[in-house]
Amino acid sequence: MSDPGVSREQRISDEGLKRLEKQFNSGVKPSSMVLKQWIRRYGEPARDIIKKYDMYTGDLDD
């Protein structure tokens, strides 16, 4: 069940970011096009995860 006071949008965002991190942990190396989509959808938190796994390049901000 969801936590009280947490918006649906925030729950979806948290779940999505957990999926991104799970992909990296399993050894998946998404293409730059896919990483750009993550950043576009989830913003700075996704960028931070991508940097954490050393997959960030400057062209992801285009």
C-alpha atoms as a PDB file:
ATOM      1  CA  MET A   1       0.000   0.000   0.000  1.00  0.00           C
ATOM      2  CA  SER A   2       1.159   3.552  -0.580  1.00  0.00           C
ATOM      3  CA  ASP A   3       2.388   5.825   2.157  1.00  0.00           C
ATOM      4  CA  PRO A   4      -0.063   8.482   3.308  1.00  0.00           C
ATOM      5  CA  GLY A   5       0.762  11.952   2.094  1.00  0.00           C
ATOM      6  CA  VAL A   6       2.837  10.762  -0.889  1.00  0.00           C
ATOM      7  CA  SER A   7       1.389  11.850  -4.195  1.00  0.00           C
ATOM      8  CA  ARG A   8       0.825   9.343  -6.970  1.00  0.00           C
ATOM      9  CA  GLU A   9       3.224  11.304  -9.162  1.00  0.00           C
ATOM     10  CA  GLN A  10       5.966  11.044  -6.533  1.00  0.00           C
ATOM     11  CA  ARG A  11       5.389   7.293  -6.097  1.00  0.00           C
ATOM     12  CA  ILE A  12       5.614   6.754  -9.858  1.00  0.00           C
ATOM     13  CA  SER A  13       8.793   8.832  -9.973  1.00  0.00           C
ATOM     14  CA  ASP A  14      10.378   6.877  -7.110  1.00  0.00           C
ATOM     15  CA  GLU A  15       9.454   3.559  -8.727  1.00  0.00           C
ATOM     16  CA  GLY A  16      10.847   4.659 -12.081  1.00  0.00           C
ATOM     17  CA  LEU A  17      14.122   5.770 -10.563  1.00  0.00           C
ATOM     18  CA  LYS A  18      14.397   2.454  -8.727  1.00  0.00           C
ATOM     19  CA  ARG A  19      13.948   0.677 -12.076  1.00  0.00           C
ATOM     20  CA  LEU A  20      16.739   2.764 -13.596  1.00  0.00           C
ATOM     21  CA  GLU A  21      19.077   1.913 -10.740  1.00  0.00           C
ATOM     22  CA  LYS A  22      18.102  -1.771 -10.964  1.00  0.00           C
ATOM     23  CA  GLN A  23      19.030  -1.766 -14.663  1.00  0.00           C
ATOM     24  CA  PHE A  24      22.476  -0.406 -13.885  1.00  0.00           C
ATOM     25  CA  ASN A  25      22.935  -2.896 -11.034  1.00  0.00           C
ATOM     26  CA  SER A  26      22.111  -5.772 -13.379  1.00  0.00           C
ATOM     27  CA  GLY A  27      24.785  -4.650 -15.831  1.00  0.00           C
ATOM     28  CA  VAL A  28      22.513  -3.075 -18.458  1.00  0.00           C
ATOM     29  CA  LYS A  29      24.168  -0.170 -20.278  1.00  0.00           C
ATOM     30  CA  PRO A  30      21.360   1.820 -21.932  1.00  0.00           C
ATOM     31  CA  SER A  31      22.068   3.821 -25.069  1.00  0.00           C
ATOM     32  CA  SER A  32      22.482   7.580 -24.810  1.00  0.00           C
ATOM     33  CA  MET A  33      19.066   7.997 -26.450  1.00  0.00           C
ATOM     34  CA  VAL A  34      17.457   5.960 -23.649  1.00  0.00           C
ATOM     35  CA  LEU A  35      19.397   7.845 -20.963  1.00  0.00           C
ATOM     36  CA  LYS A  36      18.196  11.152 -22.450  1.00  0.00           C
ATOM     37  CA  GLN A  37      14.615   9.898 -22.104  1.00  0.00           C
ATOM     38  CA  TRP A  38      15.201   9.057 -18.432  1.00  0.00           C
ATOM     39  CA  ILE A  39      16.595  12.549 -17.810  1.00  0.00           C
ATOM     40  CA  ARG A  40      13.733  14.202 -19.698  1.00  0.00           C
ATOM     41  CA  ARG A  41      11.151  12.281 -17.682  1.00  0.00           C
ATOM     42  CA  TYR A  42      12.721  12.233 -14.212  1.00  0.00           C
ATOM     43  CA  GLY A  43      15.080  15.217 -14.300  1.00  0.00           C
ATOM     44  CA  GLU A  44      17.936  15.738 -11.880  1.00  0.00           C
ATOM     45  CA  PRO A  45      17.368  12.564  -9.813  1.00  0.00           C
ATOM     46  CA  ALA A  46      17.833  10.449 -12.971  1.00  0.00           C
ATOM     47  CA  ARG A  47      20.907  12.477 -13.936  1.00  0.00           C
ATOM     48  CA  ASP A  48      22.376  11.793 -10.484  1.00  0.00           C
ATOM     49  CA  ILE A  49      21.853   8.027 -10.851  1.00  0.00           C
ATOM     50  CA  ILE A  50      23.369   8.048 -14.340  1.00  0.00           C
ATOM     51  CA  LYS A  51      26.404   9.939 -12.996  1.00  0.00           C
ATOM     52  CA  LYS A  52      26.677   7.511 -10.061  1.00  0.00           C
ATOM     53  CA  TYR A  53      27.156   4.668 -12.548  1.00  0.00           C
ATOM     54  CA  ASP A  54      29.609   6.712 -14.632  1.00  0.00           C
ATOM     55  CA  MET A  55      27.342   6.671 -17.691  1.00  0.00           C
ATOM     56  CA  TYR A  56      26.842  10.437 -17.904  1.00  0.00           C
ATOM     57  CA  THR A  57      28.186  12.388 -20.869  1.00  0.00           C
ATOM     58  CA  GLY A  58      27.617  15.993 -21.840  1.00  0.00           C
ATOM     59  CA  ASP A  59      25.567  15.044 -24.904  1.00  0.00           C
ATOM     60  CA  LEU A  60      22.779  13.767 -22.616  1.00  0.00           C
ATOM     61  CA  ASP A  61      21.724  17.381 -22.043  1.00  0.00           C
ATOM     62  CA  ASP A  62      21.022  18.071 -25.735  1.00  0.00           C
END
